[in-house]
C-alpha atoms as a PDB file:
ATOM      1  CA  UNK A   1      82.788 101.703 123.110  1.00  0.00           C
ATOM      2  CA  UNK A   2      84.158  98.245 122.335  1.00  0.00           C
ATOM      3  CA  UNK A   3      83.045  96.689 125.611  1.00  0.00           C
ATOM      4  CA  UNK A   4      81.744  97.804 128.964  1.00  0.00           C
ATOM      5  CA  UNK A   5      83.705 100.223 131.092  1.00  0.00           C
ATOM      6  CA  UNK A   6      84.084  99.597 134.776  1.00  0.00           C
ATOM      7  CA  UNK A   7      83.194 102.407 137.141  1.00  0.00           C
ATOM      8  CA  UNK A   8      85.645 104.876 138.577  1.00  0.00           C
ATOM      9  CA  UNK A   9      85.409 106.790 141.820  1.00  0.00           C
ATOM     10  CA  UNK A  10      85.957 109.916 139.714  1.00  0.00           C
ATOM     11  CA  UNK A  11      83.602 111.604 137.295  1.00  0.00           C
ATOM     12  CA  UNK A  12      83.609 109.596 134.046  1.00  0.00           C
ATOM     13  CA  UNK A  13      81.527 111.183 131.290  1.00  0.00           C
ATOM     14  CA  UNK A  14      81.138 109.568 127.883  1.00  0.00           C
ATOM     15  CA  UNK A  15      81.043 111.943 124.924  1.00  0.00           C
ATOM     16  CA  UNK A  16      79.325 110.655 121.814  1.00  0.00           C
ATOM     17  CA  UNK A  17      81.793 109.105 119.359  1.00  0.00           C
ATOM     18  CA  UNK A  18      81.727 110.977 116.091  1.00  0.00           C
ATOM     19  CA  UNK A  19      83.811 112.223 113.236  1.00  0.00           C
ATOM     20  CA  UNK A  20      85.596 115.246 114.673  1.00  0.00           C
ATOM     21  CA  UNK A  21      87.853 117.786 113.062  1.00  0.00           C
ATOM     22  CA  UNK A  22      88.779 115.537 110.160  1.00  0.00           C
ATOM     23  CA  UNK A  23      89.422 112.243 111.957  1.00  0.00           C
ATOM     24  CA  UNK A  24      87.215 109.377 113.119  1.00  0.00           C
ATOM     25  CA  UNK A  25      86.653 108.992 116.870  1.00  0.00           C
ATOM     26  CA  UNK A  26      85.860 105.600 118.428  1.00  0.00           C
ATOM     27  CA  UNK A  27      85.424 106.716 122.049  1.00  0.00           C
ATOM     28  CA  UNK A  28      85.731 109.941 123.957  1.00  0.00           C
ATOM     29  CA  UNK A  29      85.561 110.381 127.730  1.00  0.00           C
ATOM     30  CA  UNK A  30      86.058 113.183 130.208  1.00  0.00           C
ATOM     31  CA  UNK A  31      87.628 111.563 133.271  1.00  0.00           C
ATOM     32  CA  UNK A  32      87.975 113.516 136.509  1.00  0.00           C
ATOM     33  CA  UNK A  33      86.393 116.690 137.897  1.00  0.00           C
ATOM     34  CA  UNK A  34      84.129 118.467 135.430  1.00  0.00           C
ATOM     35  CA  UNK A  35      85.916 121.762 136.085  1.00  0.00           C
ATOM     36  CA  UNK A  36      89.402 120.217 136.074  1.00  0.00           C
ATOM     37  CA  UNK A  37      92.309 121.485 133.976  1.00  0.00           C
ATOM     38  CA  UNK A  38      92.131 119.212 130.917  1.00  0.00           C
ATOM     39  CA  UNK A  39      95.014 117.026 129.784  1.00  0.00           C
ATOM     40  CA  UNK A  40      94.077 116.139 126.206  1.00  0.00           C
ATOM     41  CA  UNK A  41      95.099 112.600 125.286  1.00  0.00           C
ATOM     42  CA  UNK A  42      94.609 110.906 121.917  1.00  0.00           C
ATOM     43  CA  UNK A  43      95.181 107.177 122.025  1.00  0.00           C
ATOM     44  CA  UNK A  44      94.741 103.823 120.333  1.00  0.00           C
ATOM     45  CA  UNK A  45      94.299 102.146 123.732  1.00  0.00           C
ATOM     46  CA  UNK A  46      90.727 101.415 124.811  1.00  0.00           C
ATOM     47  CA  UNK A  47      89.627 103.593 127.718  1.00  0.00           C
ATOM     48  CA  UNK A  48      88.842 100.528 129.808  1.00  0.00           C
ATOM     49  CA  UNK A  49      92.418  99.279 129.571  1.00  0.00           C
ATOM     50  CA  UNK A  50      94.078 102.483 130.792  1.00  0.00           C
ATOM     51  CA  UNK A  51      91.329 103.585 133.199  1.00  0.00           C
ATOM     52  CA  UNK A  52      93.146 102.325 136.343  1.00  0.00           C
ATOM     53  CA  UNK A  53      96.320 104.254 135.433  1.00  0.00           C
ATOM     54  CA  UNK A  54      94.329 107.347 134.529  1.00  0.00           C
ATOM     55  CA  UNK A  55      92.558 107.164 137.865  1.00  0.00           C
ATOM     56  CA  UNK A  56      95.826 106.903 139.837  1.00  0.00           C
ATOM     57  CA  UNK A  57      97.298 109.793 137.821  1.00  0.00           C
ATOM     58  CA  UNK A  58      94.310 111.981 138.668  1.00  0.00           C
ATOM     59  CA  UNK A  59      94.454 111.043 142.338  1.00  0.00           C
ATOM     60  CA  UNK A  60      98.062 112.266 142.363  1.00  0.00           C
ATOM     61  CA  UNK A  61      97.124 115.471 140.539  1.00  0.00           C
ATOM     62  CA  UNK A  62      94.014 117.031 142.116  1.00  0.00           C
ATOM     63  CA  UNK A  63      92.263 119.559 139.927  1.00  0.00           C
ATOM     64  CA  UNK A  64      93.312 117.843 136.695  1.00  0.00           C
ATOM     65  CA  UNK A  65      90.963 116.010 134.319  1.00  0.00           C
ATOM     66  CA  UNK A  66      91.778 113.785 131.342  1.00  0.00           C
ATOM     67  CA  UNK A  67      89.954 114.395 128.058  1.00  0.00           C
ATOM     68  CA  UNK A  68      90.605 110.951 126.541  1.00  0.00           C
ATOM     69  CA  UNK A  69      89.957 110.328 122.832  1.00  0.00           C
ATOM     70  CA  UNK A  70      90.301 106.881 121.262  1.00  0.00           C
ATOM     71  CA  UNK A  71      90.880 106.353 117.541  1.00  0.00           C
ATOM     72  CA  UNK A  72      92.658 103.756 115.454  1.00  0.00           C
ATOM     73  CA  UNK A  73      96.343 104.374 114.798  1.00  0.00           C
ATOM     74  CA  UNK A  74      95.878 105.793 111.305  1.00  0.00           C
ATOM     75  CA  UNK A  75      93.262 108.228 112.616  1.00  0.00           C
ATOM     76  CA  UNK A  76      95.540 109.242 115.504  1.00  0.00           C
ATOM     77  CA  UNK A  77      98.174 110.130 112.935  1.00  0.00           C
ATOM     78  CA  UNK A  78      95.637 112.053 110.876  1.00  0.00           C
ATOM     79  CA  UNK A  79      94.440 113.936 113.963  1.00  0.00           C
ATOM     80  CA  UNK A  80      97.971 115.097 114.784  1.00  0.00           C
ATOM     81  CA  UNK A  81      98.978 115.964 111.228  1.00  0.00           C
ATOM     82  CA  UNK A  82      95.724 117.384 109.866  1.00  0.00           C
ATOM     83  CA  UNK A  83      93.184 117.774 112.661  1.00  0.00           C
ATOM     84  CA  UNK A  84      91.983 121.105 113.984  1.00  0.00           C
ATOM     85  CA  UNK A  85      92.007 119.869 117.588  1.00  0.00           C
ATOM     86  CA  UNK A  86      95.175 120.131 119.655  1.00  0.00           C
ATOM     87  CA  UNK A  87      96.274 117.267 121.894  1.00  0.00           C
ATOM     88  CA  UNK A  88      98.940 117.210 124.604  1.00  0.00           C
ATOM     89  CA  UNK A  89     100.064 113.599 124.242  1.00  0.00           C
ATOM     90  CA  UNK A  90      99.583 110.723 121.789  1.00  0.00           C
ATOM     91  CA  UNK A  91      99.617 107.061 122.816  1.00  0.00           C
ATOM     92  CA  UNK A  92      99.799 104.544 119.997  1.00  0.00           C
ATOM     93  CA  UNK A  93     100.484 100.913 119.200  1.00  0.00           C
ATOM     94  CA  UNK A  94     101.815 101.918 115.752  1.00  0.00           C
ATOM     95  CA  UNK A  95     105.499 102.357 116.526  1.00  0.00           C
ATOM     96  CA  UNK A  96     106.341 103.431 112.989  1.00  0.00           C
ATOM     97  CA  UNK A  97     103.806 106.262 113.064  1.00  0.00           C
ATOM     98  CA  UNK A  98     105.023 107.458 116.470  1.00  0.00           C
ATOM     99  CA  UNK A  99     108.591 107.418 115.154  1.00  0.00           C
ATOM    100  CA  UNK A 100     107.480 109.369 112.109  1.00  0.00           C
ATOM    101  CA  UNK A 101     105.861 112.041 114.290  1.00  0.00           C
ATOM    102  CA  UNK A 102     109.102 112.401 116.226  1.00  0.00           C
ATOM    103  CA  UNK A 103     111.291 112.354 113.134  1.00  0.00           C
ATOM    104  CA  UNK A 104     109.145 114.979 111.386  1.00  0.00           C
ATOM    105  CA  UNK A 105     109.265 117.433 114.286  1.00  0.00           C
ATOM    106  CA  UNK A 106     105.796 117.076 115.814  1.00  0.00           C
ATOM    107  CA  UNK A 107     106.988 115.994 119.265  1.00  0.00           C
ATOM    108  CA  UNK A 108     108.780 117.394 122.311  1.00  0.00           C
ATOM    109  CA  UNK A 109     111.852 115.878 123.974  1.00  0.00           C
ATOM    110  CA  UNK A 110     111.575 114.674 127.545  1.00  0.00           C
ATOM    111  CA  UNK A 111     114.041 113.392 130.127  1.00  0.00           C
ATOM    112  CA  UNK A 112     113.263 112.517 133.711  1.00  0.00           C
ATOM    113  CA  UNK A 113     113.911 109.999 136.457  1.00  0.00           C
ATOM    114  CA  UNK A 114     111.095 107.921 134.926  1.00  0.00           C
ATOM    115  CA  UNK A 115     112.521 107.891 131.395  1.00  0.00           C
ATOM    116  CA  UNK A 116     115.843 106.736 132.859  1.00  0.00           C
ATOM    117  CA  UNK A 117     114.077 103.497 133.846  1.00  0.00           C
ATOM    118  CA  UNK A 118     113.408 102.544 130.213  1.00  0.00           C
ATOM    119  CA  UNK A 119     115.873 100.098 128.605  1.00  0.00           C
ATOM    120  CA  UNK A 120     117.837 101.648 125.763  1.00  0.00           C
ATOM    121  CA  UNK A 121     115.793  99.697 123.200  1.00  0.00           C
ATOM    122  CA  UNK A 122     112.515 101.036 124.650  1.00  0.00           C
ATOM    123  CA  UNK A 123     112.941 104.720 123.752  1.00  0.00           C
ATOM    124  CA  UNK A 124     114.122 106.755 120.788  1.00  0.00           C
ATOM    125  CA  UNK A 125     116.043 110.017 121.003  1.00  0.00           C
ATOM    126  CA  UNK A 126     114.164 111.083 124.150  1.00  0.00           C
ATOM    127  CA  UNK A 127     111.026 111.562 122.026  1.00  0.00           C
ATOM    128  CA  UNK A 128     109.329 108.132 121.832  1.00  0.00           C
ATOM    129  CA  UNK A 129     108.768 106.210 125.075  1.00  0.00           C
ATOM    130  CA  UNK A 130     107.617 102.586 125.274  1.00  0.00           C
ATOM    131  CA  UNK A 131     105.315 101.580 128.094  1.00  0.00           C
ATOM    132  CA  UNK A 132     104.357  98.041 127.032  1.00  0.00           C
ATOM    133  CA  UNK A 133     105.643  95.027 125.109  1.00  0.00           C
ATOM    134  CA  UNK A 134     102.817  93.044 123.455  1.00  0.00           C
ATOM    135  CA  UNK A 135     102.739  90.123 121.001  1.00  0.00           C
ATOM    136  CA  UNK A 136     101.229  89.768 117.547  1.00  0.00           C
ATOM    137  CA  UNK A 137      99.306  86.538 118.073  1.00  0.00           C
ATOM    138  CA  UNK A 138      97.054  84.044 116.321  1.00  0.00           C
ATOM    139  CA  UNK A 139      93.572  83.744 117.864  1.00  0.00           C
ATOM    140  CA  UNK A 140      91.622  80.543 117.270  1.00  0.00           C
ATOM    141  CA  UNK A 141      88.076  79.406 117.974  1.00  0.00           C
ATOM    142  CA  UNK A 142      88.249  77.109 121.018  1.00  0.00           C
ATOM    143  CA  UNK A 143      85.251  75.046 119.867  1.00  0.00           C
ATOM    144  CA  UNK A 144      86.618  74.634 116.336  1.00  0.00           C
ATOM    145  CA  UNK A 145      89.952  73.357 117.629  1.00  0.00           C
ATOM    146  CA  UNK A 146      88.679  71.283 120.567  1.00  0.00           C
ATOM    147  CA  UNK A 147      90.476  67.947 120.394  1.00  0.00           C
ATOM    148  CA  UNK A 148      92.348  69.038 117.272  1.00  0.00           C
ATOM    149  CA  UNK A 149      95.943  70.064 116.800  1.00  0.00           C
ATOM    150  CA  UNK A 150      96.493  73.767 117.351  1.00  0.00           C
ATOM    151  CA  UNK A 151      98.810  75.406 114.781  1.00  0.00           C
ATOM    152  CA  UNK A 152     101.898  76.641 116.608  1.00  0.00           C
ATOM    153  CA  UNK A 153     103.838  78.109 113.676  1.00  0.00           C
ATOM    154  CA  UNK A 154     102.989  79.907 110.445  1.00  0.00           C
ATOM    155  CA  UNK A 155     103.888  76.775 108.502  1.00  0.00           C
ATOM    156  CA  UNK A 156     101.448  74.774 110.639  1.00  0.00           C
ATOM    157  CA  UNK A 157      98.740  77.317 109.847  1.00  0.00           C
ATOM    158  CA  UNK A 158      99.530  77.304 106.123  1.00  0.00           C
ATOM    159  CA  UNK A 159      99.348  73.499 106.024  1.00  0.00           C
ATOM    160  CA  UNK A 160      96.035  73.452 107.903  1.00  0.00           C
ATOM    161  CA  UNK A 161      94.380  76.063 105.695  1.00  0.00           C
ATOM    162  CA  UNK A 162      95.584  74.373 102.509  1.00  0.00           C
ATOM    163  CA  UNK A 163      94.328  70.976 103.695  1.00  0.00           C
ATOM    164  CA  UNK A 164      90.808  72.185 104.593  1.00  0.00           C
ATOM    165  CA  UNK A 165      89.951  75.182 102.388  1.00  0.00           C
ATOM    166  CA  UNK A 166      86.160  74.720 102.488  1.00  0.00           C
ATOM    167  CA  UNK A 167      86.140  74.577 106.276  1.00  0.00           C
ATOM    168  CA  UNK A 168      87.945  77.902 106.550  1.00  0.00           C
ATOM    169  CA  UNK A 169      86.544  79.759 103.534  1.00  0.00           C
ATOM    170  CA  UNK A 170      85.198  83.127 104.697  1.00  0.00           C
ATOM    171  CA  UNK A 171      86.108  82.316 108.294  1.00  0.00           C
ATOM    172  CA  UNK A 172      89.657  83.644 108.517  1.00  0.00           C
ATOM    173  CA  UNK A 173      90.561  87.214 109.388  1.00  0.00           C
ATOM    174  CA  UNK A 174      93.388  89.671 109.707  1.00  0.00           C
ATOM    175  CA  UNK A 175      93.947  93.429 109.802  1.00  0.00           C
ATOM    176  CA  UNK A 176      93.044  95.630 106.852  1.00  0.00           C
ATOM    177  CA  UNK A 177      96.447  97.266 106.426  1.00  0.00           C
ATOM    178  CA  UNK A 178      94.945 100.205 104.551  1.00  0.00           C
ATOM    179  CA  UNK A 179      92.922 101.133 107.644  1.00  0.00           C
ATOM    180  CA  UNK A 180      94.997  99.986 110.618  1.00  0.00           C
ATOM    181  CA  UNK A 181      98.404 101.483 111.324  1.00  0.00           C
ATOM    182  CA  UNK A 182      99.182  98.615 113.714  1.00  0.00           C
ATOM    183  CA  UNK A 183      98.121  96.099 111.087  1.00  0.00           C
ATOM    184  CA  UNK A 184     100.440  97.771 108.580  1.00  0.00           C
ATOM    185  CA  UNK A 185     103.290  97.703 111.127  1.00  0.00           C
ATOM    186  CA  UNK A 186     102.806  93.995 111.837  1.00  0.00           C
ATOM    187  CA  UNK A 187     102.527  93.194 108.116  1.00  0.00           C
ATOM    188  CA  UNK A 188     105.681  95.064 107.115  1.00  0.00           C
ATOM    189  CA  UNK A 189     107.647  93.536 109.993  1.00  0.00           C
ATOM    190  CA  UNK A 190     106.436  90.074 108.966  1.00  0.00           C
ATOM    191  CA  UNK A 191     107.462  90.716 105.371  1.00  0.00           C
ATOM    192  CA  UNK A 192     110.956  91.722 106.510  1.00  0.00           C
ATOM    193  CA  UNK A 193     111.311  88.681 108.753  1.00  0.00           C
ATOM    194  CA  UNK A 194     110.221  85.589 106.813  1.00  0.00           C
ATOM    195  CA  UNK A 195     109.148  84.439 103.357  1.00  0.00           C
ATOM    196  CA  UNK A 196     106.486  82.301 105.044  1.00  0.00           C
ATOM    197  CA  UNK A 197     104.466  85.469 105.601  1.00  0.00           C
ATOM    198  CA  UNK A 198     103.748  85.967 101.893  1.00  0.00           C
ATOM    199  CA  UNK A 199     102.853  82.274 101.491  1.00  0.00           C
ATOM    200  CA  UNK A 200     100.406  82.677 104.366  1.00  0.00           C
ATOM    201  CA  UNK A 201      98.877  85.790 102.797  1.00  0.00           C
ATOM    202  CA  UNK A 202      98.426  83.952  99.495  1.00  0.00           C
ATOM    203  CA  UNK A 203      96.617  81.126 101.292  1.00  0.00           C
ATOM    204  CA  UNK A 204      94.458  83.562 103.286  1.00  0.00           C
ATOM    205  CA  UNK A 205      93.642  85.415 100.084  1.00  0.00           C
ATOM    206  CA  UNK A 206      92.317  82.218  98.495  1.00  0.00           C
ATOM    207  CA  UNK A 207      89.876  81.782 101.406  1.00  0.00           C
ATOM    208  CA  UNK A 208      87.907  85.045 101.137  1.00  0.00           C
ATOM    209  CA  UNK A 209      89.338  86.553 104.339  1.00  0.00           C
ATOM    210  CA  UNK A 210      87.507  89.098 106.463  1.00  0.00           C
ATOM    211  CA  UNK A 211      89.595  92.254 106.905  1.00  0.00           C
ATOM    212  CA  UNK A 212      89.265  94.231 110.117  1.00  0.00           C
ATOM    213  CA  UNK A 213      90.158  97.611 111.550  1.00  0.00           C
ATOM    214  CA  UNK A 214      91.181  96.396 114.960  1.00  0.00           C
ATOM    215  CA  UNK A 215      91.982  93.473 117.212  1.00  0.00           C
ATOM    216  CA  UNK A 216      88.805  93.800 119.276  1.00  0.00           C
ATOM    217  CA  UNK A 217      86.498  93.060 116.349  1.00  0.00           C
ATOM    218  CA  UNK A 218      88.545  90.010 115.344  1.00  0.00           C
ATOM    219  CA  UNK A 219      88.604  88.664 118.902  1.00  0.00           C
ATOM    220  CA  UNK A 220      84.839  89.009 119.259  1.00  0.00           C
ATOM    221  CA  UNK A 221      84.151  87.348 115.905  1.00  0.00           C
ATOM    222  CA  UNK A 222      86.397  84.413 116.765  1.00  0.00           C
ATOM    223  CA  UNK A 223      84.607  84.054 120.093  1.00  0.00           C
ATOM    224  CA  UNK A 224      81.216  84.084 118.342  1.00  0.00           C
ATOM    225  CA  UNK A 225      82.332  81.467 115.810  1.00  0.00           C
ATOM    226  CA  UNK A 226      82.025  83.784 112.814  1.00  0.00           C
ATOM    227  CA  UNK A 227      85.801  83.452 112.407  1.00  0.00           C
ATOM    228  CA  UNK A 228      87.783  80.311 113.144  1.00  0.00           C
ATOM    229  CA  UNK A 229      91.221  81.930 112.802  1.00  0.00           C
ATOM    230  CA  UNK A 230      92.441  85.515 113.142  1.00  0.00           C
ATOM    231  CA  UNK A 231      96.061  86.334 112.321  1.00  0.00           C
ATOM    232  CA  UNK A 232      98.250  89.080 113.827  1.00  0.00           C
ATOM    233  CA  UNK A 233      95.800  89.931 116.592  1.00  0.00           C
ATOM    234  CA  UNK A 234      97.103  91.936 119.543  1.00  0.00           C
ATOM    235  CA  UNK A 235      97.635  89.137 122.052  1.00  0.00           C
ATOM    236  CA  UNK A 236      97.390  91.392 125.089  1.00  0.00           C
ATOM    237  CA  UNK A 237      93.839  92.382 124.137  1.00  0.00           C
ATOM    238  CA  UNK A 238      92.834  88.769 123.544  1.00  0.00           C
ATOM    239  CA  UNK A 239      94.224  87.607 126.879  1.00  0.00           C
ATOM    240  CA  UNK A 240      92.566  90.526 128.678  1.00  0.00           C
ATOM    241  CA  UNK A 241      89.127  89.278 127.585  1.00  0.00           C
ATOM    242  CA  UNK A 242      88.577  86.959 130.519  1.00  0.00           C
ATOM    243  CA  UNK A 243      84.893  86.839 129.604  1.00  0.00           C
ATOM    244  CA  UNK A 244      85.916  85.046 126.394  1.00  0.00           C
ATOM    245  CA  UNK A 245      88.581  82.776 127.904  1.00  0.00           C
ATOM    246  CA  UNK A 246      86.627  79.580 127.191  1.00  0.00           C
ATOM    247  CA  UNK A 247      85.825  80.594 123.625  1.00  0.00           C
ATOM    248  CA  UNK A 248      89.228  81.555 122.212  1.00  0.00           C
ATOM    249  CA  UNK A 249      92.752  80.123 122.119  1.00  0.00           C
ATOM    250  CA  UNK A 250      95.650  82.591 121.895  1.00  0.00           C
ATOM    251  CA  UNK A 251      98.866  81.381 120.246  1.00  0.00           C
ATOM    252  CA  UNK A 252     102.172  83.245 120.100  1.00  0.00           C
ATOM    253  CA  UNK A 253     103.796  81.644 117.025  1.00  0.00           C
ATOM    254  CA  UNK A 254     106.810  79.522 117.887  1.00  0.00           C
ATOM    255  CA  UNK A 255     108.696  80.302 114.660  1.00  0.00           C
ATOM    256  CA  UNK A 256     108.770  83.967 115.701  1.00  0.00           C
ATOM    257  CA  UNK A 257     106.481  86.386 117.509  1.00  0.00           C
ATOM    258  CA  UNK A 258     106.736  90.103 116.836  1.00  0.00           C
ATOM    259  CA  UNK A 259     106.428  92.203 119.987  1.00  0.00           C
ATOM    260  CA  UNK A 260     104.933  95.660 119.615  1.00  0.00           C
ATOM    261  CA  UNK A 261     105.846  98.468 122.013  1.00  0.00           C
ATOM    262  CA  UNK A 262     102.937 100.732 122.870  1.00  0.00           C
ATOM    263  CA  UNK A 263     104.477 104.200 123.134  1.00  0.00           C
ATOM    264  CA  UNK A 264     103.875 107.791 124.192  1.00  0.00           C
ATOM    265  CA  UNK A 265     104.971 111.001 122.479  1.00  0.00           C
ATOM    266  CA  UNK A 266     104.545 114.548 123.795  1.00  0.00           C
ATOM    267  CA  UNK A 267     103.018 116.751 121.124  1.00  0.00           C
ATOM    268  CA  UNK A 268     104.086 120.242 120.145  1.00  0.00           C
ATOM    269  CA  UNK A 269     101.307 122.785 120.360  1.00  0.00           C
ATOM    270  CA  UNK A 270      99.551 121.180 123.317  1.00  0.00           C
ATOM    271  CA  UNK A 271      98.087 123.480 125.954  1.00  0.00           C
ATOM    272  CA  UNK A 272      99.514 121.649 128.965  1.00  0.00           C
ATOM    273  CA  UNK A 273     102.972 120.222 128.224  1.00  0.00           C
ATOM    274  CA  UNK A 274     103.859 119.856 131.898  1.00  0.00           C
ATOM    275  CA  UNK A 275     100.756 117.775 132.592  1.00  0.00           C
ATOM    276  CA  UNK A 276     101.664 115.672 129.557  1.00  0.00           C
ATOM    277  CA  UNK A 277     105.168 115.090 130.924  1.00  0.00           C
ATOM    278  CA  UNK A 278     103.739 113.994 134.264  1.00  0.00           C
ATOM    279  CA  UNK A 279     101.279 111.651 132.546  1.00  0.00           C
ATOM    280  CA  UNK A 280     104.035 110.126 130.390  1.00  0.00           C
ATOM    281  CA  UNK A 281     106.163 109.612 133.507  1.00  0.00           C
ATOM    282  CA  UNK A 282     103.215 107.966 135.238  1.00  0.00           C
ATOM    283  CA  UNK A 283     102.806 105.436 132.398  1.00  0.00           C
ATOM    284  CA  UNK A 284     106.549 104.828 132.132  1.00  0.00           C
ATOM    285  CA  UNK A 285     107.031 104.345 135.879  1.00  0.00           C
ATOM    286  CA  UNK A 286     104.078 101.957 136.017  1.00  0.00           C
ATOM    287  CA  UNK A 287     105.645  99.838 133.264  1.00  0.00           C
ATOM    288  CA  UNK A 288     109.349  99.858 134.070  1.00  0.00           C
ATOM    289  CA  UNK A 289     109.522 100.028 137.849  1.00  0.00           C
ATOM    290  CA  UNK A 290     110.475  96.786 139.557  1.00  0.00           C
ATOM    291  CA  UNK A 291     107.950  95.375 140.129  1.00  0.00           C
ATOM    292  CA  UNK A 292     105.530  97.198 137.821  1.00  0.00           C
ATOM    293  CA  UNK A 293     102.756  99.203 139.445  1.00  0.00           C
ATOM    294  CA  UNK A 294      99.798  97.227 140.792  1.00  0.00           C
ATOM    295  CA  UNK A 295      97.461  99.027 138.367  1.00  0.00           C
ATOM    296  CA  UNK A 296      99.660  98.390 135.317  1.00  0.00           C
ATOM    297  CA  UNK A 297      97.261  96.712 132.826  1.00  0.00           C
ATOM    298  CA  UNK A 298      99.692  94.846 130.568  1.00  0.00           C
ATOM    299  CA  UNK A 299     102.011  91.875 131.030  1.00  0.00           C
ATOM    300  CA  UNK A 300     105.236  92.778 132.797  1.00  0.00           C
ATOM    301  CA  UNK A 301     107.784  93.899 130.165  1.00  0.00           C
ATOM    302  CA  UNK A 302     111.212  92.252 130.518  1.00  0.00           C
ATOM    303  CA  UNK A 303     114.001  94.572 131.629  1.00  0.00           C
ATOM    304  CA  UNK A 304     116.676  92.648 129.748  1.00  0.00           C
ATOM    305  CA  UNK A 305     116.489  92.594 125.960  1.00  0.00           C
ATOM    306  CA  UNK A 306     114.978  89.361 124.665  1.00  0.00           C
ATOM    307  CA  UNK A 307     117.732  86.945 123.616  1.00  0.00           C
ATOM    308  CA  UNK A 308     118.299  86.814 119.858  1.00  0.00           C
ATOM    309  CA  UNK A 309     117.682  83.053 119.870  1.00  0.00           C
ATOM    310  CA  UNK A 310     114.220  83.524 121.343  1.00  0.00           C
ATOM    311  CA  UNK A 311     111.168  83.499 119.060  1.00  0.00           C
ATOM    312  CA  UNK A 312     109.968  86.618 120.918  1.00  0.00           C
ATOM    313  CA  UNK A 313     111.274  89.544 118.859  1.00  0.00           C
ATOM    314  CA  UNK A 314     110.666  93.143 119.920  1.00  0.00           C
ATOM    315  CA  UNK A 315     110.174  95.446 116.948  1.00  0.00           C
ATOM    316  CA  UNK A 316     113.026  97.929 117.083  1.00  0.00           C
ATOM    317  CA  UNK A 317     112.303 101.608 117.645  1.00  0.00           C
ATOM    318  CA  UNK A 318     114.306 103.839 115.357  1.00  0.00           C
ATOM    319  CA  UNK A 319     114.728 105.037 111.775  1.00  0.00           C
ATOM    320  CA  UNK A 320     114.343 101.511 110.382  1.00  0.00           C
ATOM    321  CA  UNK A 321     110.622 101.880 111.068  1.00  0.00           C
ATOM    322  CA  UNK A 322     110.471 104.781 108.632  1.00  0.00           C
ATOM    323  CA  UNK A 323     111.387 102.622 105.618  1.00  0.00           C
ATOM    324  CA  UNK A 324     107.793 101.608 104.932  1.00  0.00           C
ATOM    325  CA  UNK A 325     106.530 105.110 105.707  1.00  0.00           C
ATOM    326  CA  UNK A 326     108.120 106.275 102.457  1.00  0.00           C
ATOM    327  CA  UNK A 327     105.183 107.012 100.151  1.00  0.00           C
ATOM    328  CA  UNK A 328     106.460 104.942  97.215  1.00  0.00           C
ATOM    329  CA  UNK A 329     107.452 101.964  99.370  1.00  0.00           C
ATOM    330  CA  UNK A 330     104.075 102.105 101.073  1.00  0.00           C
ATOM    331  CA  UNK A 331     102.270 102.178  97.723  1.00  0.00           C
ATOM    332  CA  UNK A 332     104.234  99.167  96.460  1.00  0.00           C
ATOM    333  CA  UNK A 333     103.732  97.200  99.668  1.00  0.00           C
ATOM    334  CA  UNK A 334      99.991  97.894  99.656  1.00  0.00           C
ATOM    335  CA  UNK A 335      99.713  96.811  96.021  1.00  0.00           C
ATOM    336  CA  UNK A 336     101.563  93.554  96.706  1.00  0.00           C
ATOM    337  CA  UNK A 337      99.564  92.897  99.876  1.00  0.00           C
ATOM    338  CA  UNK A 338      96.170  93.440  98.263  1.00  0.00           C
ATOM    339  CA  UNK A 339      97.219  91.388  95.248  1.00  0.00           C
ATOM    340  CA  UNK A 340      97.851  88.494  97.636  1.00  0.00           C
ATOM    341  CA  UNK A 341      94.902  88.962  99.966  1.00  0.00           C
ATOM    342  CA  UNK A 342      92.112  90.159  97.681  1.00  0.00           C
ATOM    343  CA  UNK A 343      91.783  87.725  94.811  1.00  0.00           C
ATOM    344  CA  UNK A 344      88.612  89.230  93.350  1.00  0.00           C
END
C-alpha cells in the first residue's frame, strides 16, 4: 500500500500484493461481506482514494463485495489483454489505453440515466466514461523554494534548471514512460502541444533525472527532500496529501496544464456485468451530479467545457489518443524520449 488506509464500517481485508496471472499487483483488497457476491475491479486508483465511494456503493447493494486490485496503468492493460484473471470493470488514468480497450473490442457499451449526465467530451461511444478531471502538475520542495521564485511555466522551469545545474543534479524527477501508461499519455500530449516540452526533457536529461513508476513515489520523494522538482505529477494526488501540505508546492503550469480524465470501462467476459454497470453509474453520478456527491474524492469537474483560451486543457477522449498506441509510433517516441532523458 502506498499510504495508510482509513477504516471502513465494512469488512476490509488486505490480500498480499504479488505478481498474479502475468501482471504486477500493487494492492489488493476484499471490501464488504466475506461471503458477498464479488464485483471484480482492476484500477490505477489507490484504494484509499476510492474507499468512500466503494463503501457507499456497498451500502446501496447489500450482499455485494468488491474485490479491488490496484496496478499501474500499463499493468492494468496487461491484465485485461493477457492475464488469466477476469475482471468486471477497469478504472484507469491512462485515457489512451482505455480508448484502445474500447476500440479493440474488449469493452461493453452502457447507457443509463447516469451516463446521460456526462458532458459529450467526457465519454466515448458509450464505452469509455470519465469520472474525474485532474491536472498534470509540477511538484516542488517547499523548503527548497522558500523565499525563492516558484516556476509557473515550463520556460520558467527550463531557465531555473539551466541556471543552477549543480543544485538540481540528481534531484529532479518525472515518470518513466516505459513503465507508466499515464506518464506516456502525459508525455505524448506534451509533445503534441508545445516545443518547450522537448527542451525541458533535454534539460532534465542533463541533470541525471530520477524516473518513477507513479505520482505517489515522486510526491513522497519531493516531500522528503530527495527530489526538489517533479514534473508531470498527478496534481490531485499531491493535493490530497494533506499530511505533506507544508512540505510540497503544487503548480499547475500557466502556459498550459493538461487535464487527465480518469475513466471506467465495462469489460467483456466479466462474471457480473450488471454489478459493473451499477458501480460505473455510482462513480459517474458521484462526479457529474450537481453538486457532486459528498463522498466524491476528487475536485469538482466543470460541467461546461474549459474555454479554449484557458491554460487548462482537457485531453480529448477519442481516436486521436490511439495515434501513439501504434507500435511503430510508440517505438519512435520512446527512442526519442530516452535519447533526451537518458544521456548515459
